[in-house]
PDB file of N, CA and C in Angstrom:
ATOM      1  N   UNK A   1       3.442  -1.174  -2.019  1.00  0.00           N
ATOM      2  CA  UNK A   1       4.520  -1.892  -2.530  1.00  0.00           C
ATOM      3  C   UNK A   1       4.183  -2.762  -3.639  1.00  0.00           C
ATOM      4  N   UNK A   2       4.703  -2.755  -4.918  1.00  0.00           N
ATOM      5  CA  UNK A   2       4.084  -3.657  -6.062  1.00  0.00           C
ATOM      6  C   UNK A   2       4.944  -4.879  -5.936  1.00  0.00           C
ATOM      7  N   UNK A   3       4.473  -5.785  -6.989  1.00  0.00           N
ATOM      8  CA  UNK A   3       5.079  -7.156  -7.107  1.00  0.00           C
ATOM      9  C   UNK A   3       6.576  -7.169  -7.394  1.00  0.00           C
ATOM     10  N   UNK A   4       6.978  -6.269  -8.256  1.00  0.00           N
ATOM     11  CA  UNK A   4       8.358  -6.088  -8.901  1.00  0.00           C
ATOM     12  C   UNK A   4       9.131  -5.647  -7.590  1.00  0.00           C
ATOM     13  N   UNK A   5       8.878  -4.960  -6.832  1.00  0.00           N
ATOM     14  CA  UNK A   5       9.539  -4.341  -5.626  1.00  0.00           C
ATOM     15  C   UNK A   5       9.734  -5.340  -4.714  1.00  0.00           C
ATOM     16  N   UNK A   6       8.527  -6.083  -4.461  1.00  0.00           N
ATOM     17  CA  UNK A   6       8.792  -7.305  -3.627  1.00  0.00           C
ATOM     18  C   UNK A   6       9.612  -8.412  -4.052  1.00  0.00           C
ATOM     19  N   UNK A   7       9.574  -8.630  -5.239  1.00  0.00           N
ATOM     20  CA  UNK A   7      10.528  -9.523  -5.901  1.00  0.00           C
ATOM     21  C   UNK A   7      11.974  -9.325  -5.829  1.00  0.00           C
ATOM     22  N   UNK A   8      12.127  -7.832  -6.058  1.00  0.00           N
ATOM     23  CA  UNK A   8      13.652  -7.382  -5.888  1.00  0.00           C
ATOM     24  C   UNK A   8      14.100  -7.484  -4.500  1.00  0.00           C
ATOM     25  N   UNK A   9      13.348  -7.293  -3.552  1.00  0.00           N
ATOM     26  CA  UNK A   9      13.576  -7.429  -2.133  1.00  0.00           C
ATOM     27  C   UNK A   9      13.890  -8.787  -1.741  1.00  0.00           C
ATOM     28  N   UNK A  10      13.071  -9.537  -2.291  1.00  0.00           N
ATOM     29  CA  UNK A  10      13.197 -10.971  -2.042  1.00  0.00           C
ATOM     30  C   UNK A  10      14.495 -11.770  -2.714  1.00  0.00           C
ATOM     31  N   UNK A  11      14.786 -11.399  -3.868  1.00  0.00           N
ATOM     32  CA  UNK A  11      16.007 -11.844  -4.555  1.00  0.00           C
ATOM     33  C   UNK A  11      17.253 -11.258  -3.886  1.00  0.00           C
ATOM     34  N   UNK A  12      17.086 -10.026  -3.309  1.00  0.00           N
ATOM     35  CA  UNK A  12      18.309  -9.401  -2.753  1.00  0.00           C
ATOM     36  C   UNK A  12      18.571 -10.169  -1.271  1.00  0.00           C
ATOM     37  N   UNK A  13      17.517 -10.499  -0.755  1.00  0.00           N
ATOM     38  CA  UNK A  13      17.538 -11.123   0.524  1.00  0.00           C
ATOM     39  C   UNK A  13      18.040 -12.708   0.191  1.00  0.00           C
ATOM     40  N   UNK A  14      17.649 -13.156  -0.839  1.00  0.00           N
ATOM     41  CA  UNK A  14      18.230 -14.515  -1.078  1.00  0.00           C
ATOM     42  C   UNK A  14      19.782 -14.412  -1.480  1.00  0.00           C
ATOM     43  N   UNK A  15      20.187 -13.420  -2.283  1.00  0.00           N
ATOM     44  CA  UNK A  15      21.650 -13.254  -2.597  1.00  0.00           C
ATOM     45  C   UNK A  15      22.361 -13.118  -1.286  1.00  0.00           C
ATOM     46  N   UNK A  16      21.882 -12.503  -0.206  1.00  0.00           N
ATOM     47  CA  UNK A  16      22.671 -12.217   0.904  1.00  0.00           C
ATOM     48  C   UNK A  16      22.764 -13.612   1.688  1.00  0.00           C
ATOM     49  N   UNK A  17      21.900 -14.446   1.417  1.00  0.00           N
ATOM     50  CA  UNK A  17      22.014 -15.828   1.988  1.00  0.00           C
ATOM     51  C   UNK A  17      22.909 -16.686   1.259  1.00  0.00           C
ATOM     52  N   UNK A  18      22.776 -16.731  -0.150  1.00  0.00           N
ATOM     53  CA  UNK A  18      23.321 -17.518  -1.141  1.00  0.00           C
ATOM     54  C   UNK A  18      23.967 -16.724  -2.198  1.00  0.00           C
ATOM     55  N   UNK A  19      25.008 -16.127  -2.103  1.00  0.00           N
ATOM     56  CA  UNK A  19      25.745 -15.285  -2.857  1.00  0.00           C
ATOM     57  C   UNK A  19      25.989 -15.828  -4.233  1.00  0.00           C
ATOM     58  N   UNK A  20      26.077 -17.112  -4.366  1.00  0.00           N
ATOM     59  CA  UNK A  20      26.298 -17.904  -5.697  1.00  0.00           C
ATOM     60  C   UNK A  20      25.145 -17.883  -6.500  1.00  0.00           C
ATOM     61  N   UNK A  21      24.019 -17.469  -6.054  1.00  0.00           N
ATOM     62  CA  UNK A  21      22.729 -17.696  -6.941  1.00  0.00           C
ATOM     63  C   UNK A  21      22.702 -16.658  -7.909  1.00  0.00           C
ATOM     64  N   UNK A  22      22.437 -17.159  -9.248  1.00  0.00           N
ATOM     65  CA  UNK A  22      22.046 -16.329 -10.244  1.00  0.00           C
ATOM     66  C   UNK A  22      20.689 -16.042 -10.366  1.00  0.00           C
ATOM     67  N   UNK A  23      20.285 -14.850  -9.814  1.00  0.00           N
ATOM     68  CA  UNK A  23      18.838 -14.573  -9.528  1.00  0.00           C
ATOM     69  C   UNK A  23      18.213 -14.508 -10.916  1.00  0.00           C
ATOM     70  N   UNK A  24      18.819 -13.862 -11.980  1.00  0.00           N
ATOM     71  CA  UNK A  24      18.228 -13.906 -13.276  1.00  0.00           C
ATOM     72  C   UNK A  24      17.812 -15.159 -13.930  1.00  0.00           C
ATOM     73  N   UNK A  25      18.399 -16.256 -13.471  1.00  0.00           N
ATOM     74  CA  UNK A  25      18.021 -17.567 -13.862  1.00  0.00           C
ATOM     75  C   UNK A  25      16.970 -18.303 -13.167  1.00  0.00           C
ATOM     76  N   UNK A  26      16.476 -17.617 -12.195  1.00  0.00           N
ATOM     77  CA  UNK A  26      15.538 -18.407 -11.215  1.00  0.00           C
ATOM     78  C   UNK A  26      14.104 -18.307 -12.094  1.00  0.00           C
ATOM     79  N   UNK A  27      13.244 -19.356 -12.073  1.00  0.00           N
ATOM     80  CA  UNK A  27      12.074 -19.340 -12.412  1.00  0.00           C
ATOM     81  C   UNK A  27      10.949 -19.247 -11.326  1.00  0.00           C
ATOM     82  N   UNK A  28      10.144 -18.252 -11.579  1.00  0.00           N
ATOM     83  CA  UNK A  28       9.206 -17.831 -10.374  1.00  0.00           C
ATOM     84  C   UNK A  28       8.107 -19.052 -10.163  1.00  0.00           C
ATOM     85  N   UNK A  29       7.964 -20.041 -11.036  1.00  0.00           N
ATOM     86  CA  UNK A  29       7.051 -20.951 -10.915  1.00  0.00           C
ATOM     87  C   UNK A  29       7.565 -22.331 -10.415  1.00  0.00           C
ATOM     88  N   UNK A  30       8.748 -22.461 -10.315  1.00  0.00           N
ATOM     89  CA  UNK A  30       9.426 -23.729  -9.750  1.00  0.00           C
ATOM     90  C   UNK A  30       9.854 -23.717  -8.250  1.00  0.00           C
ATOM     91  N   UNK A  31       9.833 -24.758  -7.606  1.00  0.00           N
ATOM     92  CA  UNK A  31      10.342 -24.740  -6.243  1.00  0.00           C
ATOM     93  C   UNK A  31      11.669 -24.089  -6.075  1.00  0.00           C
ATOM     94  N   UNK A  32      11.538 -22.951  -5.299  1.00  0.00           N
ATOM     95  CA  UNK A  32      12.698 -22.109  -5.004  1.00  0.00           C
ATOM     96  C   UNK A  32      13.829 -22.826  -4.326  1.00  0.00           C
ATOM     97  N   UNK A  33      13.553 -23.649  -3.231  1.00  0.00           N
ATOM     98  CA  UNK A  33      14.507 -24.440  -2.592  1.00  0.00           C
ATOM     99  C   UNK A  33      15.424 -25.282  -3.431  1.00  0.00           C
ATOM    100  N   UNK A  34      14.610 -25.937  -4.381  1.00  0.00           N
ATOM    101  CA  UNK A  34      15.309 -26.775  -5.465  1.00  0.00           C
ATOM    102  C   UNK A  34      16.135 -26.024  -6.318  1.00  0.00           C
ATOM    103  N   UNK A  35      15.665 -24.908  -6.650  1.00  0.00           N
ATOM    104  CA  UNK A  35      16.614 -24.054  -7.668  1.00  0.00           C
ATOM    105  C   UNK A  35      17.823 -23.666  -7.361  1.00  0.00           C
ATOM    106  N   UNK A  36      17.777 -23.119  -5.982  1.00  0.00           N
ATOM    107  CA  UNK A  36      19.063 -22.617  -5.235  1.00  0.00           C
ATOM    108  C   UNK A  36      19.619 -23.493  -4.210  1.00  0.00           C
ATOM    109  N   UNK A  37      19.287 -24.898  -4.065  1.00  0.00           N
ATOM    110  CA  UNK A  37      19.722 -25.677  -3.088  1.00  0.00           C
ATOM    111  C   UNK A  37      19.953 -25.269  -1.900  1.00  0.00           C
ATOM    112  N   UNK A  38      18.767 -24.627  -1.238  1.00  0.00           N
ATOM    113  CA  UNK A  38      18.849 -24.077   0.114  1.00  0.00           C
ATOM    114  C   UNK A  38      18.409 -25.198   1.311  1.00  0.00           C
ATOM    115  N   UNK A  39      19.270 -25.423   2.248  1.00  0.00           N
ATOM    116  CA  UNK A  39      18.921 -26.262   3.390  1.00  0.00           C
ATOM    117  C   UNK A  39      17.912 -25.396   4.120  1.00  0.00           C
ATOM    118  N   UNK A  40      17.466 -26.249   5.031  1.00  0.00           N
ATOM    119  CA  UNK A  40      16.256 -25.826   6.016  1.00  0.00           C
ATOM    120  C   UNK A  40      16.808 -24.436   6.880  1.00  0.00           C
ATOM    121  N   UNK A  41      18.058 -24.550   7.098  1.00  0.00           N
ATOM    122  CA  UNK A  41      18.463 -23.343   7.925  1.00  0.00           C
ATOM    123  C   UNK A  41      18.595 -22.089   6.949  1.00  0.00           C
ATOM    124  N   UNK A  42      19.190 -22.344   5.820  1.00  0.00           N
ATOM    125  CA  UNK A  42      19.190 -21.246   4.850  1.00  0.00           C
ATOM    126  C   UNK A  42      17.831 -20.732   4.468  1.00  0.00           C
ATOM    127  N   UNK A  43      16.835 -21.622   4.358  1.00  0.00           N
ATOM    128  CA  UNK A  43      15.410 -21.057   3.934  1.00  0.00           C
ATOM    129  C   UNK A  43      14.811 -20.359   5.254  1.00  0.00           C
ATOM    130  N   UNK A  44      15.120 -20.750   6.470  1.00  0.00           N
ATOM    131  CA  UNK A  44      14.559 -20.278   7.535  1.00  0.00           C
ATOM    132  C   UNK A  44      15.261 -18.578   7.588  1.00  0.00           C
ATOM    133  N   UNK A  45      16.665 -18.726   7.309  1.00  0.00           N
ATOM    134  CA  UNK A  45      17.252 -17.409   7.156  1.00  0.00           C
ATOM    135  C   UNK A  45      16.522 -16.324   6.193  1.00  0.00           C
ATOM    136  N   UNK A  46      16.386 -16.984   5.053  1.00  0.00           N
ATOM    137  CA  UNK A  46      15.720 -16.175   4.053  1.00  0.00           C
ATOM    138  C   UNK A  46      14.232 -15.722   4.388  1.00  0.00           C
ATOM    139  N   UNK A  47      13.510 -16.417   5.206  1.00  0.00           N
ATOM    140  CA  UNK A  47      12.235 -15.924   5.586  1.00  0.00           C
ATOM    141  C   UNK A  47      12.427 -14.879   6.605  1.00  0.00           C
ATOM    142  N   UNK A  48      13.357 -15.107   7.712  1.00  0.00           N
ATOM    143  CA  UNK A  48      13.671 -14.240   8.791  1.00  0.00           C
ATOM    144  C   UNK A  48      14.210 -12.917   7.959  1.00  0.00           C
ATOM    145  N   UNK A  49      14.875 -12.899   7.011  1.00  0.00           N
ATOM    146  CA  UNK A  49      15.559 -11.791   6.181  1.00  0.00           C
ATOM    147  C   UNK A  49      14.351 -10.960   5.767  1.00  0.00           C
ATOM    148  N   UNK A  50      13.377 -11.658   4.956  1.00  0.00           N
ATOM    149  CA  UNK A  50      12.369 -11.093   4.617  1.00  0.00           C
ATOM    150  C   UNK A  50      11.348 -10.318   5.632  1.00  0.00           C
ATOM    151  N   UNK A  51      11.293 -10.965   6.678  1.00  0.00           N
ATOM    152  CA  UNK A  51      10.523 -10.258   7.891  1.00  0.00           C
ATOM    153  C   UNK A  51      11.156  -9.153   8.304  1.00  0.00           C
ATOM    154  N   UNK A  52      12.470  -9.121   8.397  1.00  0.00           N
ATOM    155  CA  UNK A  52      13.389  -7.912   8.898  1.00  0.00           C
ATOM    156  C   UNK A  52      13.267  -6.872   7.951  1.00  0.00           C
ATOM    157  N   UNK A  53      13.398  -7.262   6.650  1.00  0.00           N
ATOM    158  CA  UNK A  53      13.439  -6.186   5.627  1.00  0.00           C
ATOM    159  C   UNK A  53      12.057  -5.453   5.378  1.00  0.00           C
ATOM    160  N   UNK A  54      10.966  -6.298   5.414  1.00  0.00           N
ATOM    161  CA  UNK A  54       9.603  -5.851   5.170  1.00  0.00           C
ATOM    162  C   UNK A  54       8.783  -5.729   6.366  1.00  0.00           C
ATOM    163  N   UNK A  55       9.276  -6.044   7.417  1.00  0.00           N
ATOM    164  CA  UNK A  55       8.313  -5.877   8.680  1.00  0.00           C
ATOM    165  C   UNK A  55       7.074  -6.646   8.715  1.00  0.00           C
ATOM    166  N   UNK A  56       7.235  -7.800   8.090  1.00  0.00           N
ATOM    167  CA  UNK A  56       5.841  -8.680   7.842  1.00  0.00           C
ATOM    168  C   UNK A  56       6.078  -9.937   8.536  1.00  0.00           C
ATOM    169  N   UNK A  57       5.210 -10.269   9.376  1.00  0.00           N
ATOM    170  CA  UNK A  57       5.213 -11.612  10.115  1.00  0.00           C
ATOM    171  C   UNK A  57       5.004 -12.734   9.305  1.00  0.00           C
ATOM    172  N   UNK A  58       5.650 -13.681   9.286  1.00  0.00           N
ATOM    173  CA  UNK A  58       5.534 -14.787   8.549  1.00  0.00           C
ATOM    174  C   UNK A  58       5.473 -15.993   9.438  1.00  0.00           C
ATOM    175  N   UNK A  59       4.269 -16.439   9.959  1.00  0.00           N
ATOM    176  CA  UNK A  59       4.125 -17.513  10.956  1.00  0.00           C
ATOM    177  C   UNK A  59       4.553 -18.899  10.411  1.00  0.00           C
ATOM    178  N   UNK A  60       5.062 -19.617  11.309  1.00  0.00           N
ATOM    179  CA  UNK A  60       5.746 -20.843  10.946  1.00  0.00           C
ATOM    180  C   UNK A  60       4.636 -21.795  10.266  1.00  0.00           C
ATOM    181  N   UNK A  61       3.525 -21.674  10.485  1.00  0.00           N
ATOM    182  CA  UNK A  61       2.317 -22.292   9.959  1.00  0.00           C
ATOM    183  C   UNK A  61       2.304 -22.007   8.386  1.00  0.00           C
ATOM    184  N   UNK A  62       2.696 -20.793   8.033  1.00  0.00           N
ATOM    185  CA  UNK A  62       2.670 -20.521   6.548  1.00  0.00           C
ATOM    186  C   UNK A  62       3.859 -20.913   5.834  1.00  0.00           C
ATOM    187  N   UNK A  63       4.893 -21.427   6.337  1.00  0.00           N
ATOM    188  CA  UNK A  63       6.066 -21.708   5.630  1.00  0.00           C
ATOM    189  C   UNK A  63       5.928 -22.763   4.543  1.00  0.00           C
ATOM    190  N   UNK A  64       4.912 -23.905   4.851  1.00  0.00           N
ATOM    191  CA  UNK A  64       4.685 -24.784   3.873  1.00  0.00           C
ATOM    192  C   UNK A  64       4.062 -24.293   2.378  1.00  0.00           C
ATOM    193  N   UNK A  65       3.471 -23.139   2.561  1.00  0.00           N
ATOM    194  CA  UNK A  65       2.795 -22.544   1.315  1.00  0.00           C
ATOM    195  C   UNK A  65       3.721 -21.815   0.521  1.00  0.00           C
ATOM    196  N   UNK A  66       4.814 -21.503   0.995  1.00  0.00           N
ATOM    197  CA  UNK A  66       5.988 -20.640   0.362  1.00  0.00           C
ATOM    198  C   UNK A  66       6.911 -21.585  -0.435  1.00  0.00           C
ATOM    199  N   UNK A  67       6.405 -21.916  -1.579  1.00  0.00           N
ATOM    200  CA  UNK A  67       7.234 -22.994  -2.251  1.00  0.00           C
ATOM    201  C   UNK A  67       8.061 -22.387  -3.466  1.00  0.00           C
ATOM    202  N   UNK A  68       7.448 -21.558  -4.151  1.00  0.00           N
ATOM    203  CA  UNK A  68       8.040 -20.922  -5.382  1.00  0.00           C
ATOM    204  C   UNK A  68       8.296 -19.395  -5.020  1.00  0.00           C
ATOM    205  N   UNK A  69       9.087 -18.846  -5.987  1.00  0.00           N
ATOM    206  CA  UNK A  69       9.239 -17.407  -5.705  1.00  0.00           C
ATOM    207  C   UNK A  69       7.995 -16.483  -5.964  1.00  0.00           C
ATOM    208  N   UNK A  70       7.097 -17.093  -6.787  1.00  0.00           N
ATOM    209  CA  UNK A  70       5.904 -16.443  -7.134  1.00  0.00           C
ATOM    210  C   UNK A  70       4.867 -16.529  -5.715  1.00  0.00           C
ATOM    211  N   UNK A  71       4.929 -17.599  -5.241  1.00  0.00           N
ATOM    212  CA  UNK A  71       4.245 -17.930  -3.778  1.00  0.00           C
ATOM    213  C   UNK A  71       4.733 -17.011  -2.816  1.00  0.00           C
ATOM    214  N   UNK A  72       6.044 -16.809  -2.668  1.00  0.00           N
ATOM    215  CA  UNK A  72       6.677 -15.715  -1.701  1.00  0.00           C
ATOM    216  C   UNK A  72       6.261 -14.456  -1.889  1.00  0.00           C
ATOM    217  N   UNK A  73       6.318 -13.961  -3.185  1.00  0.00           N
ATOM    218  CA  UNK A  73       5.883 -12.646  -3.640  1.00  0.00           C
ATOM    219  C   UNK A  73       4.398 -12.439  -3.421  1.00  0.00           C
ATOM    220  N   UNK A  74       3.614 -13.403  -3.874  1.00  0.00           N
ATOM    221  CA  UNK A  74       2.109 -13.220  -3.672  1.00  0.00           C
ATOM    222  C   UNK A  74       1.749 -13.244  -2.052  1.00  0.00           C
ATOM    223  N   UNK A  75       2.263 -13.911  -1.388  1.00  0.00           N
ATOM    224  CA  UNK A  75       2.049 -13.947  -0.027  1.00  0.00           C
ATOM    225  C   UNK A  75       2.437 -12.700   0.736  1.00  0.00           C
ATOM    226  N   UNK A  76       3.560 -12.199   0.385  1.00  0.00           N
ATOM    227  CA  UNK A  76       4.072 -10.890   0.859  1.00  0.00           C
ATOM    228  C   UNK A  76       3.375  -9.670   0.435  1.00  0.00           C
ATOM    229  N   UNK A  77       2.896  -9.706  -0.849  1.00  0.00           N
ATOM    230  CA  UNK A  77       1.911  -8.681  -1.398  1.00  0.00           C
ATOM    231  C   UNK A  77       0.546  -8.616  -0.554  1.00  0.00           C
ATOM    232  N   UNK A  78       0.090  -9.902  -0.464  1.00  0.00           N
ATOM    233  CA  UNK A  78      -1.270  -9.903   0.514  1.00  0.00           C
ATOM    234  C   UNK A  78      -0.832  -9.479   2.051  1.00  0.00           C
ATOM    235  N   UNK A  79      -0.011  -9.810   2.574  1.00  0.00           N
ATOM    236  CA  UNK A  79       0.420  -9.355   3.711  1.00  0.00           C
ATOM    237  C   UNK A  79       0.715  -7.807   3.944  1.00  0.00           C
ATOM    238  N   UNK A  80       1.281  -7.353   2.980  1.00  0.00           N
ATOM    239  CA  UNK A  80       1.624  -5.901   3.000  1.00  0.00           C
ATOM    240  C   UNK A  80       0.386  -5.034   2.724  1.00  0.00           C
ATOM    241  N   UNK A  81      -0.464  -5.675   1.977  1.00  0.00           N
ATOM    242  CA  UNK A  81      -1.768  -4.974   1.523  1.00  0.00           C
ATOM    243  C   UNK A  81      -2.679  -4.968   2.677  1.00  0.00           C
ATOM    244  N   UNK A  82      -2.585  -6.001   3.421  1.00  0.00           N
ATOM    245  CA  UNK A  82      -3.499  -6.001   4.643  1.00  0.00           C
ATOM    246  C   UNK A  82      -3.171  -5.111   5.708  1.00  0.00           C
ATOM    247  N   UNK A  83      -1.741  -4.783   5.736  1.00  0.00           N
ATOM    248  CA  UNK A  83      -1.142  -4.050   6.824  1.00  0.00           C
ATOM    249  C   UNK A  83      -1.427  -2.537   6.509  1.00  0.00           C
TER     250      UNK A  83
END
């Protein structure tokens, strides 16, 4: 799976949690939670949604590394590549 496919899945997952988000306006290099105003529960649901869709374990210890959309995509790419 390439970066574009992972990004599409991540944005789709985000839209399912925050339907008001304009995904085409998101910056990949800026903190995602600040751009879409996600609270901690929404953020957890986003990460759980990615886990369900991609069958990738995202340990709680890694949550702090996932700040920007680019961070999320790169992290998932590495996880999927290693699997």
